[in-house]
Protein backbone atom coordinates (compact mmCIF):
# COMPACT_ATOMS: atom_id res chain seq x y z
CA MET A 1 0.00 0.00 0.00
CA GLU A 2 1.37 3.40 -0.99
CA LEU A 3 0.32 6.57 0.81
CA ILE A 4 -0.16 9.25 -1.86
CA LYS A 5 -1.37 12.18 0.26
CA GLN A 6 -2.44 12.73 3.85
CA THR A 7 -4.07 15.75 5.47
CA ILE A 8 -6.04 16.36 8.64
CA HIS A 9 -9.14 15.41 6.61
CA GLY A 10 -7.97 11.99 5.47
CA LYS A 11 -5.64 10.21 3.10
CA ILE A 12 -5.36 8.96 -0.46
CA LEU A 13 -3.98 5.45 -0.89
CA HIS A 14 -2.82 3.51 -3.92
CA CYS A 15 -3.26 -0.22 -3.34
CA ASP A 16 -5.13 -3.37 -4.27
CA SER A 17 -8.61 -2.24 -3.30
CA ILE A 18 -10.08 -5.61 -2.34
CA GLN A 19 -7.09 -6.39 -0.10
CA PHE A 20 -7.46 -2.98 1.54
CA LEU A 21 -11.19 -3.45 2.06
CA ASN A 22 -10.64 -6.90 3.58
CA GLN A 23 -8.29 -5.34 6.18
CA THR A 24 -10.54 -2.37 6.98
CA GLU A 25 -12.74 -2.18 10.06
CA ASP A 26 -16.53 -2.12 9.79
CA ASP A 27 -18.15 1.34 9.70
CA SER A 28 -14.81 3.17 9.43
CA VAL A 29 -14.81 4.86 5.99
CA ASP A 30 -16.42 8.20 5.14
CA LEU A 31 -16.06 8.16 1.36
CA ILE A 32 -15.30 5.66 -1.40
CA VAL A 33 -14.69 6.98 -4.92
CA THR A 34 -14.22 4.32 -7.58
CA SER A 35 -14.48 3.73 -11.30
CA PRO A 36 -14.40 -0.03 -11.89
CA PRO A 37 -13.86 -1.45 -15.35
CA PHE A 38 -17.01 -2.19 -17.31
CA ASP A 39 -18.35 -5.54 -18.49
CA MET A 40 -17.15 -5.15 -22.08
CA ILE A 41 -17.47 -7.71 -24.85
CA THR A 42 -14.04 -6.89 -26.28
CA GLN A 43 -11.23 -8.41 -24.20
CA LYS A 44 -8.89 -5.76 -22.77
CA SER A 45 -5.22 -6.11 -21.84
CA TYR A 46 -6.09 -5.69 -18.13
CA GLY A 47 -8.23 -8.85 -18.25
CA ASN A 48 -11.82 -7.63 -17.97
CA LEU A 49 -14.48 -10.11 -16.88
CA HIS A 50 -17.80 -10.85 -18.60
CA ASP A 51 -21.43 -11.48 -17.69
CA ASP A 52 -21.96 -13.54 -14.50
CA GLU A 53 -18.24 -13.45 -13.65
CA TYR A 54 -18.29 -9.66 -13.79
CA SER A 55 -21.49 -9.39 -11.73
CA LYS A 56 -20.09 -11.69 -9.03
CA TRP A 57 -16.80 -9.73 -8.95
CA LEU A 58 -18.57 -6.37 -8.65
CA LEU A 59 -20.99 -7.67 -6.01
CA GLY A 60 -17.99 -8.72 -3.89
CA PHE A 61 -16.88 -5.09 -3.85
CA GLY A 62 -20.39 -3.91 -3.07
CA GLU A 63 -20.59 -6.11 0.00
CA GLU A 64 -17.26 -4.78 1.27
CA PHE A 65 -18.21 -1.16 0.49
CA PHE A 66 -21.40 -1.56 2.54
CA ARG A 67 -19.49 -3.17 5.41
CA VAL A 68 -16.74 -0.53 5.72
CA LEU A 69 -18.78 2.61 5.06
CA LYS A 70 -19.98 4.55 8.09
CA PRO A 71 -23.76 5.00 8.29
CA SER A 72 -23.13 8.61 7.19
CA GLY A 73 -20.62 7.51 4.50
CA SER A 74 -20.94 7.90 0.73
CA LEU A 75 -20.08 5.80 -2.30
CA VAL A 76 -19.30 7.52 -5.60
CA LEU A 77 -19.39 4.99 -8.43
CA ASP A 78 -18.46 6.24 -11.89
């Protein structure tokens, strides 16, 4: 995990997001901003998933987002 920027208001991290979420306490995050890859028909070099595989992968993130976000927290999904 690489710390990019830290202020009195929080920090920006660069890391494997699912590993970070798995290590994060429940109800401890104020804001999640993410732009996951889309379920595209054309295979991309980064290895995009398709159909049910993609839905299952994205749902795994959704469950973790819900778990770590504070009740007053926000999710921005682009």
